[in-house]
Amino acid sequence: MNNKSKLEQLYDRIRLGCFDNKISHFSAPVRHRAREGELRLAFRAALEEAHDELRGHPKAERLWTMAYERGHSSGWNEIALEYADLADLLKP
């Protein structure tokens, strides 16, 4: 039985490189950008699942946008940390 929370499982997936783009930007830029979009959607879905209590919240879109804008230059882990910090403000 896995006793890890969904958030801990997400951090494990980040560490394992599950959201890393393996397609070269230099040799296949169009495929790289397409894959990056797919990974971003998958990451967002996993992040929202880990913070399930906020699913359907009226500010969920803004939460994602702010977390992504603040953290994307430092990687997935930073986006997840920003999301968690901002999510605390929306929890009842």
PDB file of N, CA and C in Angstrom:
ATOM      1  N   MET A   1       0.845  -1.180   0.000  1.00  0.00           N
ATOM      2  CA  MET A   1       0.000   0.000   0.000  1.00  0.00           C
ATOM      3  C   MET A   1       0.892   1.246   0.000  1.00  0.00           C
ATOM      4  N   ASN A   2       0.525   2.225  -0.782  1.00  0.00           N
ATOM      5  CA  ASN A   2       1.282   3.462  -0.875  1.00  0.00           C
ATOM      6  C   ASN A   2       0.667   4.500   0.057  1.00  0.00           C
ATOM      7  N   ASN A   3       1.444   4.922   1.036  1.00  0.00           N
ATOM      8  CA  ASN A   3       0.944   5.887   2.012  1.00  0.00           C
ATOM      9  C   ASN A   3       1.287   7.327   1.661  1.00  0.00           C
ATOM     10  N   LYS A   4       1.899   7.532   0.519  1.00  0.00           N
ATOM     11  CA  LYS A   4       2.266   8.886   0.125  1.00  0.00           C
ATOM     12  C   LYS A   4       1.037   9.656  -0.340  1.00  0.00           C
ATOM     13  N   SER A   5       1.032  10.943  -0.029  1.00  0.00           N
ATOM     14  CA  SER A   5      -0.053  11.792  -0.508  1.00  0.00           C
ATOM     15  C   SER A   5       0.105  12.003  -2.009  1.00  0.00           C
ATOM     16  N   LYS A   6      -0.950  12.476  -2.625  1.00  0.00           N
ATOM     17  CA  LYS A   6      -0.888  12.754  -4.063  1.00  0.00           C
ATOM     18  C   LYS A   6       0.175  13.799  -4.370  1.00  0.00           C
ATOM     19  N   LEU A   7       0.350  14.747  -3.459  1.00  0.00           N
ATOM     20  CA  LEU A   7       1.357  15.783  -3.665  1.00  0.00           C
ATOM     21  C   LEU A   7       2.762  15.182  -3.596  1.00  0.00           C
ATOM     22  N   GLU A   8       3.009  14.301  -2.644  1.00  0.00           N
ATOM     23  CA  GLU A   8       4.312  13.641  -2.549  1.00  0.00           C
ATOM     24  C   GLU A   8       4.574  12.785  -3.782  1.00  0.00           C
ATOM     25  N   GLN A   9       3.539  12.119  -4.273  1.00  0.00           N
ATOM     26  CA  GLN A   9       3.676  11.321  -5.490  1.00  0.00           C
ATOM     27  C   GLN A   9       4.018  12.200  -6.683  1.00  0.00           C
ATOM     28  N   LEU A  10       3.423  13.396  -6.735  1.00  0.00           N
ATOM     29  CA  LEU A  10       3.726  14.330  -7.823  1.00  0.00           C
ATOM     30  C   LEU A  10       5.196  14.756  -7.765  1.00  0.00           C
ATOM     31  N   TYR A  11       5.690  15.082  -6.564  1.00  0.00           N
ATOM     32  CA  TYR A  11       7.102  15.466  -6.433  1.00  0.00           C
ATOM     33  C   TYR A  11       8.025  14.309  -6.842  1.00  0.00           C
ATOM     34  N   ASP A  12       7.629  13.083  -6.533  1.00  0.00           N
ATOM     35  CA  ASP A  12       8.412  11.921  -6.979  1.00  0.00           C
ATOM     36  C   ASP A  12       8.451  11.852  -8.502  1.00  0.00           C
ATOM     37  N   ARG A  13       7.318  12.080  -9.140  1.00  0.00           N
ATOM     38  CA  ARG A  13       7.258  12.050 -10.609  1.00  0.00           C
ATOM     39  C   ARG A  13       8.128  13.149 -11.213  1.00  0.00           C
ATOM     40  N   ILE A  14       8.164  14.314 -10.570  1.00  0.00           N
ATOM     41  CA  ILE A  14       9.034  15.399 -11.053  1.00  0.00           C
ATOM     42  C   ILE A  14      10.491  14.953 -10.950  1.00  0.00           C
ATOM     43  N   ARG A  15      10.872  14.394  -9.800  1.00  0.00           N
ATOM     44  CA  ARG A  15      12.255  13.943  -9.601  1.00  0.00           C
ATOM     45  C   ARG A  15      12.658  12.858 -10.593  1.00  0.00           C
ATOM     46  N   LEU A  16      11.722  12.002 -10.954  1.00  0.00           N
ATOM     47  CA  LEU A  16      12.003  10.924 -11.895  1.00  0.00           C
ATOM     48  C   LEU A  16      12.063  11.398 -13.348  1.00  0.00           C
ATOM     49  N   GLY A  17      11.702  12.652 -13.589  1.00  0.00           N
ATOM     50  CA  GLY A  17      11.769  13.206 -14.945  1.00  0.00           C
ATOM     51  C   GLY A  17      10.557  12.901 -15.793  1.00  0.00           C
ATOM     52  N   CYS A  18       9.445  12.567 -15.164  1.00  0.00           N
ATOM     53  CA  CYS A  18       8.231  12.216 -15.922  1.00  0.00           C
ATOM     54  C   CYS A  18       7.707  13.366 -16.783  1.00  0.00           C
ATOM     55  N   PHE A  19       8.066  14.590 -16.437  1.00  0.00           N
ATOM     56  CA  PHE A  19       7.574  15.741 -17.196  1.00  0.00           C
ATOM     57  C   PHE A  19       8.685  16.396 -18.023  1.00  0.00           C
ATOM     58  N   ASP A  20       9.820  15.711 -18.144  1.00  0.00           N
ATOM     59  CA  ASP A  20      10.939  16.248 -18.920  1.00  0.00           C
ATOM     60  C   ASP A  20      10.710  15.996 -20.405  1.00  0.00           C
ATOM     61  N   ASN A  21      11.015  16.984 -21.205  1.00  0.00           N
ATOM     62  CA  ASN A  21      10.862  16.881 -22.653  1.00  0.00           C
ATOM     63  C   ASN A  21      12.132  16.259 -23.227  1.00  0.00           C
ATOM     64  N   LYS A  22      12.002  15.078 -23.776  1.00  0.00           N
ATOM     65  CA  LYS A  22      13.157  14.353 -24.318  1.00  0.00           C
ATOM     66  C   LYS A  22      13.404  14.670 -25.797  1.00  0.00           C
ATOM     67  N   ILE A  23      12.552  15.482 -26.384  1.00  0.00           N
ATOM     68  CA  ILE A  23      12.702  15.832 -27.797  1.00  0.00           C
ATOM     69  C   ILE A  23      13.577  17.079 -27.905  1.00  0.00           C
ATOM     70  N   SER A  24      14.586  16.996 -28.723  1.00  0.00           N
ATOM     71  CA  SER A  24      15.540  18.099 -28.874  1.00  0.00           C
ATOM     72  C   SER A  24      14.887  19.333 -29.496  1.00  0.00           C
ATOM     73  N   HIS A  25      15.116  20.455 -28.858  1.00  0.00           N
ATOM     74  CA  HIS A  25      14.620  21.727 -29.394  1.00  0.00           C
ATOM     75  C   HIS A  25      15.343  22.084 -30.691  1.00  0.00           C
ATOM     76  N   PHE A  26      16.595  21.684 -30.796  1.00  0.00           N
ATOM     77  CA  PHE A  26      17.400  22.060 -31.959  1.00  0.00           C
ATOM     78  C   PHE A  26      17.122  21.198 -33.183  1.00  0.00           C
ATOM     79  N   SER A  27      16.930  19.903 -32.985  1.00  0.00           N
ATOM     80  CA  SER A  27      16.738  19.026 -34.147  1.00  0.00           C
ATOM     81  C   SER A  27      15.271  18.923 -34.575  1.00  0.00           C
ATOM     82  N   ALA A  28      14.352  19.191 -33.647  1.00  0.00           N
ATOM     83  CA  ALA A  28      12.923  19.071 -33.979  1.00  0.00           C
ATOM     84  C   ALA A  28      12.117  20.106 -33.189  1.00  0.00           C
ATOM     85  N   PRO A  29      12.284  21.391 -33.522  1.00  0.00           N
ATOM     86  CA  PRO A  29      11.644  22.435 -32.716  1.00  0.00           C
ATOM     87  C   PRO A  29      10.112  22.367 -32.673  1.00  0.00           C
ATOM     88  N   VAL A  30       9.483  21.990 -33.765  1.00  0.00           N
ATOM     89  CA  VAL A  30       8.014  21.927 -33.787  1.00  0.00           C
ATOM     90  C   VAL A  30       7.532  20.792 -32.888  1.00  0.00           C
ATOM     91  N   ARG A  31       8.158  19.627 -33.013  1.00  0.00           N
ATOM     92  CA  ARG A  31       7.795  18.496 -32.152  1.00  0.00           C
ATOM     93  C   ARG A  31       8.110  18.798 -30.690  1.00  0.00           C
ATOM     94  N   HIS A  32       9.211  19.503 -30.449  1.00  0.00           N
ATOM     95  CA  HIS A  32       9.587  19.879 -29.082  1.00  0.00           C
ATOM     96  C   HIS A  32       8.506  20.753 -28.451  1.00  0.00           C
ATOM     97  N   ARG A  33       8.047  21.760 -29.176  1.00  0.00           N
ATOM     98  CA  ARG A  33       7.018  22.663 -28.642  1.00  0.00           C
ATOM     99  C   ARG A  33       5.698  21.928 -28.412  1.00  0.00           C
ATOM    100  N   ALA A  34       5.348  21.032 -29.340  1.00  0.00           N
ATOM    101  CA  ALA A  34       4.117  20.263 -29.184  1.00  0.00           C
ATOM    102  C   ALA A  34       4.205  19.375 -27.941  1.00  0.00           C
ATOM    103  N   ARG A  35       5.342  18.723 -27.760  1.00  0.00           N
ATOM    104  CA  ARG A  35       5.526  17.857 -26.590  1.00  0.00           C
ATOM    105  C   ARG A  35       5.522  18.675 -25.310  1.00  0.00           C
ATOM    106  N   GLU A  36       6.108  19.848 -25.352  1.00  0.00           N
ATOM    107  CA  GLU A  36       6.134  20.727 -24.173  1.00  0.00           C
ATOM    108  C   GLU A  36       4.710  21.083 -23.760  1.00  0.00           C
ATOM    109  N   GLY A  37       3.852  21.355 -24.729  1.00  0.00           N
ATOM    110  CA  GLY A  37       2.448  21.649 -24.435  1.00  0.00           C
ATOM    111  C   GLY A  37       1.742  20.465 -23.812  1.00  0.00           C
ATOM    112  N   GLU A  38       2.005  19.268 -24.335  1.00  0.00           N
ATOM    113  CA  GLU A  38       1.408  18.051 -23.778  1.00  0.00           C
ATOM    114  C   GLU A  38       1.860  17.835 -22.331  1.00  0.00           C
ATOM    115  N   LEU A  39       3.153  18.029 -22.095  1.00  0.00           N
ATOM    116  CA  LEU A  39       3.687  17.852 -20.741  1.00  0.00           C
ATOM    117  C   LEU A  39       3.108  18.876 -19.772  1.00  0.00           C
ATOM    118  N   ARG A  40       2.936  20.115 -20.240  1.00  0.00           N
ATOM    119  CA  ARG A  40       2.368  21.165 -19.391  1.00  0.00           C
ATOM    120  C   ARG A  40       0.939  20.810 -18.988  1.00  0.00           C
ATOM    121  N   LEU A  41       0.156  20.308 -19.934  1.00  0.00           N
ATOM    122  CA  LEU A  41      -1.225  19.898 -19.629  1.00  0.00           C
ATOM    123  C   LEU A  41      -1.247  18.723 -18.650  1.00  0.00           C
ATOM    124  N   ALA A  42      -0.358  17.757 -18.859  1.00  0.00           N
ATOM    125  CA  ALA A  42      -0.294  16.599 -17.961  1.00  0.00           C
ATOM    126  C   ALA A  42       0.132  17.014 -16.560  1.00  0.00           C
ATOM    127  N   PHE A  43       1.094  17.931 -16.493  1.00  0.00           N
ATOM    128  CA  PHE A  43       1.559  18.407 -15.201  1.00  0.00           C
ATOM    129  C   PHE A  43       0.460  19.171 -14.482  1.00  0.00           C
ATOM    130  N   ARG A  44      -0.225  20.010 -15.200  1.00  0.00           N
ATOM    131  CA  ARG A  44      -1.322  20.776 -14.595  1.00  0.00           C
ATOM    132  C   ARG A  44      -2.404  19.840 -14.059  1.00  0.00           C
ATOM    133  N   ALA A  45      -2.742  18.825 -14.829  1.00  0.00           N
ATOM    134  CA  ALA A  45      -3.760  17.859 -14.388  1.00  0.00           C
ATOM    135  C   ALA A  45      -3.309  17.142 -13.116  1.00  0.00           C
ATOM    136  N   ALA A  46      -2.040  16.744 -13.067  1.00  0.00           N
ATOM    137  CA  ALA A  46      -1.512  16.066 -11.878  1.00  0.00           C
ATOM    138  C   ALA A  46      -1.494  17.005 -10.677  1.00  0.00           C
ATOM    139  N   LEU A  47      -1.160  18.253 -10.924  1.00  0.00           N
ATOM    140  CA  LEU A  47      -1.128  19.244  -9.848  1.00  0.00           C
ATOM    141  C   LEU A  47      -2.533  19.511  -9.307  1.00  0.00           C
ATOM    142  N   GLU A  48      -3.495  19.640 -10.196  1.00  0.00           N
ATOM    143  CA  GLU A  48      -4.875  19.862  -9.768  1.00  0.00           C
ATOM    144  C   GLU A  48      -5.430  18.637  -9.034  1.00  0.00           C
ATOM    145  N   GLU A  49      -5.007  17.450  -9.450  1.00  0.00           N
ATOM    146  CA  GLU A  49      -5.434  16.242  -8.748  1.00  0.00           C
ATOM    147  C   GLU A  49      -4.850  16.199  -7.335  1.00  0.00           C
ATOM    148  N   ALA A  50      -3.595  16.636  -7.208  1.00  0.00           N
ATOM    149  CA  ALA A  50      -2.955  16.663  -5.889  1.00  0.00           C
ATOM    150  C   ALA A  50      -3.615  17.678  -4.960  1.00  0.00           C
ATOM    151  N   HIS A  51      -4.224  18.696  -5.542  1.00  0.00           N
ATOM    152  CA  HIS A  51      -4.938  19.736  -4.772  1.00  0.00           C
ATOM    153  C   HIS A  51      -6.428  19.639  -5.097  1.00  0.00           C
ATOM    154  N   ASP A  52      -6.950  18.453  -4.979  1.00  0.00           N
ATOM    155  CA  ASP A  52      -8.314  18.151  -5.402  1.00  0.00           C
ATOM    156  C   ASP A  52      -9.370  19.027  -4.726  1.00  0.00           C
ATOM    157  N   GLU A  53      -9.084  19.484  -3.510  1.00  0.00           N
ATOM    158  CA  GLU A  53     -10.065  20.302  -2.787  1.00  0.00           C
ATOM    159  C   GLU A  53     -10.353  21.630  -3.481  1.00  0.00           C
ATOM    160  N   LEU A  54      -9.505  22.008  -4.442  1.00  0.00           N
ATOM    161  CA  LEU A  54      -9.713  23.267  -5.164  1.00  0.00           C
ATOM    162  C   LEU A  54     -10.293  23.060  -6.559  1.00  0.00           C
ATOM    163  N   ARG A  55     -10.571  21.810  -6.896  1.00  0.00           N
ATOM    164  CA  ARG A  55     -11.143  21.526  -8.216  1.00  0.00           C
ATOM    165  C   ARG A  55     -12.478  22.262  -8.355  1.00  0.00           C
ATOM    166  N   GLY A  56     -12.633  22.975  -9.445  1.00  0.00           N
ATOM    167  CA  GLY A  56     -13.856  23.722  -9.691  1.00  0.00           C
ATOM    168  C   GLY A  56     -13.906  25.083  -9.006  1.00  0.00           C
ATOM    169  N   HIS A  57     -12.847  25.443  -8.295  1.00  0.00           N
ATOM    170  CA  HIS A  57     -12.816  26.757  -7.630  1.00  0.00           C
ATOM    171  C   HIS A  57     -12.852  27.849  -8.697  1.00  0.00           C
ATOM    172  N   PRO A  58     -13.593  28.932  -8.441  1.00  0.00           N
ATOM    173  CA  PRO A  58     -13.699  30.003  -9.448  1.00  0.00           C
ATOM    174  C   PRO A  58     -12.351  30.640  -9.833  1.00  0.00           C
ATOM    175  N   LYS A  59     -11.359  30.515  -8.974  1.00  0.00           N
ATOM    176  CA  LYS A  59     -10.058  31.118  -9.280  1.00  0.00           C
ATOM    177  C   LYS A  59      -8.997  30.079  -9.641  1.00  0.00           C
ATOM    178  N   ALA A  60      -9.418  28.865  -9.981  1.00  0.00           N
ATOM    179  CA  ALA A  60      -8.475  27.791 -10.305  1.00  0.00           C
ATOM    180  C   ALA A  60      -7.607  28.148 -11.512  1.00  0.00           C
ATOM    181  N   GLU A  61      -8.199  28.751 -12.519  1.00  0.00           N
ATOM    182  CA  GLU A  61      -7.436  29.140 -13.722  1.00  0.00           C
ATOM    183  C   GLU A  61      -6.373  30.179 -13.372  1.00  0.00           C
ATOM    184  N   ARG A  62      -6.750  31.154 -12.579  1.00  0.00           N
ATOM    185  CA  ARG A  62      -5.801  32.200 -12.171  1.00  0.00           C
ATOM    186  C   ARG A  62      -4.691  31.618 -11.289  1.00  0.00           C
ATOM    187  N   LEU A  63      -5.049  30.662 -10.443  1.00  0.00           N
ATOM    188  CA  LEU A  63      -4.071  29.989  -9.588  1.00  0.00           C
ATOM    189  C   LEU A  63      -2.995  29.330 -10.445  1.00  0.00           C
ATOM    190  N   TRP A  64      -3.431  28.564 -11.461  1.00  0.00           N
ATOM    191  CA  TRP A  64      -2.468  27.909 -12.349  1.00  0.00           C
ATOM    192  C   TRP A  64      -1.607  28.935 -13.073  1.00  0.00           C
ATOM    193  N   THR A  65      -2.228  29.962 -13.612  1.00  0.00           N
ATOM    194  CA  THR A  65      -1.496  30.971 -14.381  1.00  0.00           C
ATOM    195  C   THR A  65      -0.427  31.646 -13.527  1.00  0.00           C
ATOM    196  N   MET A  66      -0.795  32.036 -12.320  1.00  0.00           N
ATOM    197  CA  MET A  66       0.171  32.704 -11.446  1.00  0.00           C
ATOM    198  C   MET A  66       1.314  31.769 -11.050  1.00  0.00           C
ATOM    199  N   ALA A  67       0.985  30.536 -10.705  1.00  0.00           N
ATOM    200  CA  ALA A  67       2.021  29.580 -10.311  1.00  0.00           C
ATOM    201  C   ALA A  67       2.963  29.302 -11.486  1.00  0.00           C
ATOM    202  N   TYR A  68       2.399  29.140 -12.675  1.00  0.00           N
ATOM    203  CA  TYR A  68       3.224  28.873 -13.853  1.00  0.00           C
ATOM    204  C   TYR A  68       4.118  30.073 -14.176  1.00  0.00           C
ATOM    205  N   GLU A  69       3.542  31.263 -14.163  1.00  0.00           N
ATOM    206  CA  GLU A  69       4.322  32.459 -14.470  1.00  0.00           C
ATOM    207  C   GLU A  69       5.471  32.657 -13.484  1.00  0.00           C
ATOM    208  N   ARG A  70       5.212  32.394 -12.222  1.00  0.00           N
ATOM    209  CA  ARG A  70       6.235  32.590 -11.190  1.00  0.00           C
ATOM    210  C   ARG A  70       7.303  31.511 -11.189  1.00  0.00           C
ATOM    211  N   GLY A  71       6.941  30.287 -11.565  1.00  0.00           N
ATOM    212  CA  GLY A  71       7.879  29.196 -11.378  1.00  0.00           C
ATOM    213  C   GLY A  71       8.474  28.550 -12.602  1.00  0.00           C
ATOM    214  N   HIS A  72       7.917  28.782 -13.790  1.00  0.00           N
ATOM    215  CA  HIS A  72       8.346  27.990 -14.950  1.00  0.00           C
ATOM    216  C   HIS A  72       9.812  28.147 -15.325  1.00  0.00           C
ATOM    217  N   SER A  73      10.405  29.277 -15.037  1.00  0.00           N
ATOM    218  CA  SER A  73      11.816  29.449 -15.404  1.00  0.00           C
ATOM    219  C   SER A  73      12.738  28.593 -14.535  1.00  0.00           C
ATOM    220  N   SER A  74      12.210  28.110 -13.409  1.00  0.00           N
ATOM    221  CA  SER A  74      13.017  27.279 -12.504  1.00  0.00           C
ATOM    222  C   SER A  74      12.614  25.806 -12.537  1.00  0.00           C
ATOM    223  N   GLY A  75      11.610  25.463 -13.331  1.00  0.00           N
ATOM    224  CA  GLY A  75      11.246  24.064 -13.492  1.00  0.00           C
ATOM    225  C   GLY A  75       9.938  23.672 -12.821  1.00  0.00           C
ATOM    226  N   TRP A  76       9.580  22.410 -13.048  1.00  0.00           N
ATOM    227  CA  TRP A  76       8.301  21.886 -12.571  1.00  0.00           C
ATOM    228  C   TRP A  76       8.173  21.957 -11.060  1.00  0.00           C
ATOM    229  N   ASN A  77       9.249  21.652 -10.364  1.00  0.00           N
ATOM    230  CA  ASN A  77       9.202  21.655  -8.907  1.00  0.00           C
ATOM    231  C   ASN A  77       8.831  23.037  -8.375  1.00  0.00           C
ATOM    232  N   GLU A  78       9.396  24.052  -8.965  1.00  0.00           N
ATOM    233  CA  GLU A  78       9.101  25.420  -8.516  1.00  0.00           C
ATOM    234  C   GLU A  78       7.651  25.801  -8.813  1.00  0.00           C
ATOM    235  N   ILE A  79       7.133  25.354  -9.949  1.00  0.00           N
ATOM    236  CA  ILE A  79       5.719  25.604 -10.255  1.00  0.00           C
ATOM    237  C   ILE A  79       4.847  24.946  -9.193  1.00  0.00           C
ATOM    238  N   ALA A  80       5.183  23.710  -8.835  1.00  0.00           N
ATOM    239  CA  ALA A  80       4.409  22.988  -7.821  1.00  0.00           C
ATOM    240  C   ALA A  80       4.466  23.704  -6.470  1.00  0.00           C
ATOM    241  N   LEU A  81       5.624  24.214  -6.107  1.00  0.00           N
ATOM    242  CA  LEU A  81       5.759  24.943  -4.842  1.00  0.00           C
ATOM    243  C   LEU A  81       4.955  26.242  -4.863  1.00  0.00           C
ATOM    244  N   GLU A  82       5.024  26.966  -5.963  1.00  0.00           N
ATOM    245  CA  GLU A  82       4.250  28.203  -6.091  1.00  0.00           C
ATOM    246  C   GLU A  82       2.752  27.906  -6.024  1.00  0.00           C
ATOM    247  N   TYR A  83       2.343  26.849  -6.712  1.00  0.00           N
ATOM    248  CA  TYR A  83       0.933  26.462  -6.725  1.00  0.00           C
ATOM    249  C   TYR A  83       0.469  26.152  -5.307  1.00  0.00           C
ATOM    250  N   ALA A  84       1.270  25.387  -4.566  1.00  0.00           N
ATOM    251  CA  ALA A  84       0.906  25.022  -3.193  1.00  0.00           C
ATOM    252  C   ALA A  84       0.805  26.264  -2.303  1.00  0.00           C
ATOM    253  N   ASP A  85       1.749  27.175  -2.449  1.00  0.00           N
ATOM    254  CA  ASP A  85       1.698  28.407  -1.646  1.00  0.00           C
ATOM    255  C   ASP A  85       0.455  29.231  -1.959  1.00  0.00           C
ATOM    256  N   LEU A  86       0.175  29.396  -3.237  1.00  0.00           N
ATOM    257  CA  LEU A  86      -0.992  30.190  -3.633  1.00  0.00           C
ATOM    258  C   LEU A  86      -2.304  29.464  -3.297  1.00  0.00           C
ATOM    259  N   ALA A  87      -2.297  28.140  -3.401  1.00  0.00           N
ATOM    260  CA  ALA A  87      -3.494  27.358  -3.102  1.00  0.00           C
ATOM    261  C   ALA A  87      -3.938  27.553  -1.657  1.00  0.00           C
ATOM    262  N   ASP A  88      -2.984  27.722  -0.770  1.00  0.00           N
ATOM    263  CA  ASP A  88      -3.300  27.946   0.646  1.00  0.00           C
ATOM    264  C   ASP A  88      -4.200  29.172   0.835  1.00  0.00           C
ATOM    265  N   LEU A  89      -4.034  30.142  -0.033  1.00  0.00           N
ATOM    266  CA  LEU A  89      -4.852  31.363   0.076  1.00  0.00           C
ATOM    267  C   LEU A  89      -6.312  31.121  -0.316  1.00  0.00           C
ATOM    268  N   LEU A  90      -6.549  30.087  -1.126  1.00  0.00           N
ATOM    269  CA  LEU A  90      -7.906  29.824  -1.623  1.00  0.00           C
ATOM    270  C   LEU A  90      -8.658  28.781  -0.802  1.00  0.00           C
ATOM    271  N   LYS A  91      -7.936  28.058   0.046  1.00  0.00           N
ATOM    272  CA  LYS A  91      -8.594  27.002   0.824  1.00  0.00           C
ATOM    273  C   LYS A  91      -9.458  27.606   1.924  1.00  0.00           C
ATOM    274  N   PRO A  92     -10.616  26.981   2.144  1.00  0.00           N
ATOM    275  CA  PRO A  92     -11.523  27.513   3.180  1.00  0.00           C
ATOM    276  C   PRO A  92     -10.968  27.346   4.576  1.00  0.00           C
TER     277      PRO A  92
END
